PDB file of N, CA and C in Angstrom:
ATOM      1  N   MET A   1       8.322  16.596   3.508  1.00  0.00           N
ATOM      2  CA  MET A   1       8.260  15.440   4.386  1.00  0.00           C
ATOM      3  C   MET A   1       6.818  14.915   4.399  1.00  0.00           C
ATOM      4  N   TYR A   2       6.697  13.617   4.442  1.00  0.00           N
ATOM      5  CA  TYR A   2       5.394  12.977   4.436  1.00  0.00           C
ATOM      6  C   TYR A   2       4.932  12.647   5.852  1.00  0.00           C
ATOM      7  N   SER A   3       3.646  12.443   5.997  1.00  0.00           N
ATOM      8  CA  SER A   3       3.082  12.114   7.304  1.00  0.00           C
ATOM      9  C   SER A   3       3.541  10.726   7.742  1.00  0.00           C
ATOM     10  N   LYS A   4       3.398  10.462   9.013  1.00  0.00           N
ATOM     11  CA  LYS A   4       3.766   9.148   9.576  1.00  0.00           C
ATOM     12  C   LYS A   4       2.956   8.045   8.903  1.00  0.00           C
ATOM     13  N   THR A   5       1.695   8.309   8.639  1.00  0.00           N
ATOM     14  CA  THR A   5       0.837   7.315   7.994  1.00  0.00           C
ATOM     15  C   THR A   5       1.369   6.952   6.611  1.00  0.00           C
ATOM     16  N   VAL A   6       1.724   7.952   5.833  1.00  0.00           N
ATOM     17  CA  VAL A   6       2.270   7.706   4.493  1.00  0.00           C
ATOM     18  C   VAL A   6       3.554   6.894   4.615  1.00  0.00           C
ATOM     19  N   GLU A   7       4.413   7.280   5.532  1.00  0.00           N
ATOM     20  CA  GLU A   7       5.663   6.546   5.730  1.00  0.00           C
ATOM     21  C   GLU A   7       5.405   5.097   6.143  1.00  0.00           C
ATOM     22  N   ASP A   8       4.421   4.884   7.007  1.00  0.00           N
ATOM     23  CA  ASP A   8       4.077   3.521   7.440  1.00  0.00           C
ATOM     24  C   ASP A   8       3.615   2.667   6.257  1.00  0.00           C
ATOM     25  N   TYR A   9       2.784   3.250   5.420  1.00  0.00           N
ATOM     26  CA  TYR A   9       2.312   2.514   4.240  1.00  0.00           C
ATOM     27  C   TYR A   9       3.461   2.197   3.289  1.00  0.00           C
ATOM     28  N   LEU A  10       4.309   3.166   3.024  1.00  0.00           N
ATOM     29  CA  LEU A  10       5.430   2.937   2.108  1.00  0.00           C
ATOM     30  C   LEU A  10       6.369   1.865   2.649  1.00  0.00           C
ATOM     31  N   GLU A  11       6.605   1.888   3.951  1.00  0.00           N
ATOM     32  CA  GLU A  11       7.451   0.874   4.569  1.00  0.00           C
ATOM     33  C   GLU A  11       6.806  -0.514   4.463  1.00  0.00           C
ATOM     34  N   ALA A  12       5.511  -0.586   4.703  1.00  0.00           N
ATOM     35  CA  ALA A  12       4.808  -1.862   4.607  1.00  0.00           C
ATOM     36  C   ALA A  12       4.856  -2.392   3.169  1.00  0.00           C
ATOM     37  N   ILE A  13       4.636  -1.520   2.211  1.00  0.00           N
ATOM     38  CA  ILE A  13       4.684  -1.917   0.801  1.00  0.00           C
ATOM     39  C   ILE A  13       6.080  -2.436   0.461  1.00  0.00           C
ATOM     40  N   TYR A  14       7.089  -1.730   0.905  1.00  0.00           N
ATOM     41  CA  TYR A  14       8.476  -2.140   0.673  1.00  0.00           C
ATOM     42  C   TYR A  14       8.728  -3.522   1.264  1.00  0.00           C
ATOM     43  N   ASN A  15       8.298  -3.733   2.499  1.00  0.00           N
ATOM     44  CA  ASN A  15       8.527  -5.023   3.169  1.00  0.00           C
ATOM     45  C   ASN A  15       7.825  -6.165   2.444  1.00  0.00           C
ATOM     46  N   VAL A  16       6.595  -5.933   2.017  1.00  0.00           N
ATOM     47  CA  VAL A  16       5.847  -6.971   1.314  1.00  0.00           C
ATOM     48  C   VAL A  16       6.525  -7.294  -0.024  1.00  0.00           C
ATOM     49  N   ILE A  17       6.932  -6.269  -0.741  1.00  0.00           N
ATOM     50  CA  ILE A  17       7.593  -6.485  -2.036  1.00  0.00           C
ATOM     51  C   ILE A  17       8.907  -7.248  -1.849  1.00  0.00           C
ATOM     52  N   ARG A  18       9.647  -6.942  -0.813  1.00  0.00           N
ATOM     53  CA  ARG A  18      10.901  -7.680  -0.558  1.00  0.00           C
ATOM     54  C   ARG A  18      10.636  -9.158  -0.331  1.00  0.00           C
ATOM     55  N   ARG A  19       9.538  -9.473   0.347  1.00  0.00           N
ATOM     56  CA  ARG A  19       9.210 -10.873   0.640  1.00  0.00           C
ATOM     57  C   ARG A  19       8.616 -11.604  -0.557  1.00  0.00           C
ATOM     58  N   LYS A  20       7.702 -10.945  -1.265  1.00  0.00           N
ATOM     59  CA  LYS A  20       6.907 -11.634  -2.288  1.00  0.00           C
ATOM     60  C   LYS A  20       7.238 -11.237  -3.724  1.00  0.00           C
ATOM     61  N   GLY A  21       7.865 -10.087  -3.896  1.00  0.00           N
ATOM     62  CA  GLY A  21       8.137  -9.589  -5.235  1.00  0.00           C
ATOM     63  C   GLY A  21       7.051  -8.669  -5.762  1.00  0.00           C
ATOM     64  N   TYR A  22       5.954  -8.572  -5.042  1.00  0.00           N
ATOM     65  CA  TYR A  22       4.826  -7.710  -5.411  1.00  0.00           C
ATOM     66  C   TYR A  22       4.029  -7.448  -4.142  1.00  0.00           C
ATOM     67  N   ALA A  23       3.158  -6.458  -4.181  1.00  0.00           N
ATOM     68  CA  ALA A  23       2.329  -6.144  -3.011  1.00  0.00           C
ATOM     69  C   ALA A  23       0.877  -5.979  -3.444  1.00  0.00           C
ATOM     70  N   ARG A  24       0.029  -6.838  -2.901  1.00  0.00           N
ATOM     71  CA  ARG A  24      -1.408  -6.724  -3.135  1.00  0.00           C
ATOM     72  C   ARG A  24      -2.041  -6.004  -1.950  1.00  0.00           C
ATOM     73  N   THR A  25      -3.228  -5.484  -2.170  1.00  0.00           N
ATOM     74  CA  THR A  25      -3.952  -4.791  -1.105  1.00  0.00           C
ATOM     75  C   THR A  25      -4.071  -5.682   0.126  1.00  0.00           C
ATOM     76  N   LYS A  26      -4.415  -6.934  -0.085  1.00  0.00           N
ATOM     77  CA  LYS A  26      -4.575  -7.871   1.033  1.00  0.00           C
ATOM     78  C   LYS A  26      -3.276  -8.040   1.821  1.00  0.00           C
ATOM     79  N   ASP A  27      -2.148  -8.099   1.109  1.00  0.00           N
ATOM     80  CA  ASP A  27      -0.839  -8.263   1.769  1.00  0.00           C
ATOM     81  C   ASP A  27      -0.511  -7.046   2.631  1.00  0.00           C
ATOM     82  N   ILE A  28      -0.771  -5.872   2.088  1.00  0.00           N
ATOM     83  CA  ILE A  28      -0.504  -4.630   2.827  1.00  0.00           C
ATOM     84  C   ILE A  28      -1.430  -4.540   4.028  1.00  0.00           C
ATOM     85  N   SER A  29      -2.671  -4.913   3.825  1.00  0.00           N
ATOM     86  CA  SER A  29      -3.653  -4.926   4.907  1.00  0.00           C
ATOM     87  C   SER A  29      -3.194  -5.809   6.065  1.00  0.00           C
ATOM     88  N   MET A  30      -2.693  -6.991   5.732  1.00  0.00           N
ATOM     89  CA  MET A  30      -2.219  -7.902   6.775  1.00  0.00           C
ATOM     90  C   MET A  30      -0.957  -7.363   7.449  1.00  0.00           C
ATOM     91  N   GLU A  31      -0.080  -6.750   6.684  1.00  0.00           N
ATOM     92  CA  GLU A  31       1.163  -6.193   7.219  1.00  0.00           C
ATOM     93  C   GLU A  31       0.881  -5.085   8.239  1.00  0.00           C
ATOM     94  N   LEU A  32      -0.119  -4.257   7.951  1.00  0.00           N
ATOM     95  CA  LEU A  32      -0.442  -3.117   8.810  1.00  0.00           C
ATOM     96  C   LEU A  32      -1.571  -3.394   9.795  1.00  0.00           C
ATOM     97  N   ASN A  33      -2.213  -4.557   9.643  1.00  0.00           N
ATOM     98  CA  ASN A  33      -3.365  -4.894  10.475  1.00  0.00           C
ATOM     99  C   ASN A  33      -4.480  -3.847  10.319  1.00  0.00           C
ATOM    100  N   ILE A  34      -4.763  -3.538   9.050  1.00  0.00           N
ATOM    101  CA  ILE A  34      -5.769  -2.541   8.683  1.00  0.00           C
ATOM    102  C   ILE A  34      -6.706  -3.196   7.668  1.00  0.00           C
ATOM    103  N   ARG A  35      -7.963  -2.806   7.667  1.00  0.00           N
ATOM    104  CA  ARG A  35      -8.940  -3.366   6.715  1.00  0.00           C
ATOM    105  C   ARG A  35      -8.574  -3.024   5.273  1.00  0.00           C
ATOM    106  N   SER A  36      -8.844  -3.949   4.371  1.00  0.00           N
ATOM    107  CA  SER A  36      -8.506  -3.772   2.953  1.00  0.00           C
ATOM    108  C   SER A  36      -9.113  -2.516   2.318  1.00  0.00           C
ATOM    109  N   PRO A  37     -10.380  -2.157   2.601  1.00  0.00           N
ATOM    110  CA  PRO A  37     -10.912  -0.925   1.991  1.00  0.00           C
ATOM    111  C   PRO A  37     -10.117   0.330   2.390  1.00  0.00           C
ATOM    112  N   SER A  38      -9.615   0.353   3.610  1.00  0.00           N
ATOM    113  CA  SER A  38      -8.801   1.491   4.048  1.00  0.00           C
ATOM    114  C   SER A  38      -7.475   1.527   3.291  1.00  0.00           C
ATOM    115  N   VAL A  39      -6.907   0.355   3.058  1.00  0.00           N
ATOM    116  CA  VAL A  39      -5.657   0.273   2.304  1.00  0.00           C
ATOM    117  C   VAL A  39      -5.893   0.740   0.866  1.00  0.00           C
ATOM    118  N   THR A  40      -6.977   0.299   0.268  1.00  0.00           N
ATOM    119  CA  THR A  40      -7.293   0.709  -1.101  1.00  0.00           C
ATOM    120  C   THR A  40      -7.406   2.228  -1.203  1.00  0.00           C
ATOM    121  N   GLU A  41      -8.090   2.823  -0.245  1.00  0.00           N
ATOM    122  CA  GLU A  41      -8.247   4.283  -0.232  1.00  0.00           C
ATOM    123  C   GLU A  41      -6.884   4.971  -0.162  1.00  0.00           C
ATOM    124  N   MET A  42      -6.009   4.477   0.712  1.00  0.00           N
ATOM    125  CA  MET A  42      -4.688   5.092   0.843  1.00  0.00           C
ATOM    126  C   MET A  42      -3.829   4.837  -0.400  1.00  0.00           C
ATOM    127  N   LEU A  43      -3.942   3.672  -0.990  1.00  0.00           N
ATOM    128  CA  LEU A  43      -3.170   3.397  -2.209  1.00  0.00           C
ATOM    129  C   LEU A  43      -3.558   4.353  -3.328  1.00  0.00           C
ATOM    130  N   LYS A  44      -4.829   4.675  -3.424  1.00  0.00           N
ATOM    131  CA  LYS A  44      -5.269   5.653  -4.432  1.00  0.00           C
ATOM    132  C   LYS A  44      -4.649   7.023  -4.156  1.00  0.00           C
ATOM    133  N   LYS A  45      -4.580   7.404  -2.885  1.00  0.00           N
ATOM    134  CA  LYS A  45      -3.954   8.685  -2.524  1.00  0.00           C
ATOM    135  C   LYS A  45      -2.463   8.669  -2.833  1.00  0.00           C
ATOM    136  N   LEU A  46      -1.793   7.559  -2.498  1.00  0.00           N
ATOM    137  CA  LEU A  46      -0.361   7.436  -2.775  1.00  0.00           C
ATOM    138  C   LEU A  46      -0.100   7.473  -4.277  1.00  0.00           C
ATOM    139  N   ASP A  47      -0.995   6.890  -5.051  1.00  0.00           N
ATOM    140  CA  ASP A  47      -0.880   6.937  -6.507  1.00  0.00           C
ATOM    141  C   ASP A  47      -1.033   8.367  -7.006  1.00  0.00           C
ATOM    142  N   ASP A  48      -1.975   9.107  -6.456  1.00  0.00           N
ATOM    143  CA  ASP A  48      -2.161  10.513  -6.831  1.00  0.00           C
ATOM    144  C   ASP A  48      -0.925  11.353  -6.497  1.00  0.00           C
ATOM    145  N   MET A  49      -0.200  10.942  -5.451  1.00  0.00           N
ATOM    146  CA  MET A  49       1.022  11.637  -5.035  1.00  0.00           C
ATOM    147  C   MET A  49       2.242  11.143  -5.813  1.00  0.00           C
ATOM    148  N   ASP A  50       2.025  10.232  -6.753  1.00  0.00           N
ATOM    149  CA  ASP A  50       3.097   9.606  -7.548  1.00  0.00           C
ATOM    150  C   ASP A  50       4.119   8.876  -6.691  1.00  0.00           C
ATOM    151  N   LEU A  51       3.659   8.276  -5.597  1.00  0.00           N
ATOM    152  CA  LEU A  51       4.552   7.508  -4.725  1.00  0.00           C
ATOM    153  C   LEU A  51       4.467   6.011  -4.997  1.00  0.00           C
ATOM    154  N   VAL A  52       3.350   5.563  -5.537  1.00  0.00           N
ATOM    155  CA  VAL A  52       3.172   4.159  -5.916  1.00  0.00           C
ATOM    156  C   VAL A  52       2.418   4.117  -7.236  1.00  0.00           C
ATOM    157  N   ASN A  53       2.437   2.962  -7.849  1.00  0.00           N
ATOM    158  CA  ASN A  53       1.646   2.741  -9.060  1.00  0.00           C
ATOM    159  C   ASN A  53       0.532   1.790  -8.672  1.00  0.00           C
ATOM    160  N   TYR A  54      -0.643   2.330  -8.399  1.00  0.00           N
ATOM    161  CA  TYR A  54      -1.789   1.522  -7.985  1.00  0.00           C
ATOM    162  C   TYR A  54      -2.575   1.105  -9.209  1.00  0.00           C
ATOM    163  N   GLU A  55      -2.763  -0.198  -9.356  1.00  0.00           N
ATOM    164  CA  GLU A  55      -3.589  -0.727 -10.436  1.00  0.00           C
ATOM    165  C   GLU A  55      -4.746  -1.495  -9.825  1.00  0.00           C
ATOM    166  N   ARG A  56      -5.939  -1.080 -10.149  1.00  0.00           N
ATOM    167  CA  ARG A  56      -7.134  -1.747  -9.634  1.00  0.00           C
ATOM    168  C   ARG A  56      -7.200  -3.165 -10.172  1.00  0.00           C
ATOM    169  N   TYR A  57      -7.516  -4.100  -9.306  1.00  0.00           N
ATOM    170  CA  TYR A  57      -7.629  -5.504  -9.709  1.00  0.00           C
ATOM    171  C   TYR A  57      -8.787  -5.654 -10.673  1.00  0.00           C
ATOM    172  N   SER A  58      -8.525  -6.334 -11.756  1.00  0.00           N
ATOM    173  CA  SER A  58      -9.602  -6.556 -12.732  1.00  0.00           C
ATOM    174  C   SER A  58      -9.596  -8.020 -13.159  1.00  0.00           C
ATOM    175  N   GLY A  59     -10.163  -8.841 -12.330  1.00  0.00           N
ATOM    176  CA  GLY A  59     -10.131 -10.257 -12.662  1.00  0.00           C
ATOM    177  C   GLY A  59     -11.349 -10.879 -12.229  1.00  0.00           C
TER     178      GLY A  59
END
């Protein structure tokens, strides 16, 4: 079982993807009302856990 925080992030990602078809750090940040750097840090952890596929923006 995952922590409440992990579940909250996964739910937010799911909700954003349902609305937009994709989820950017900024979108997740707005969904959770959390700063973008904090979201980036958690996305890296979720990627390490093989729960999401985090790709760093390169543009």
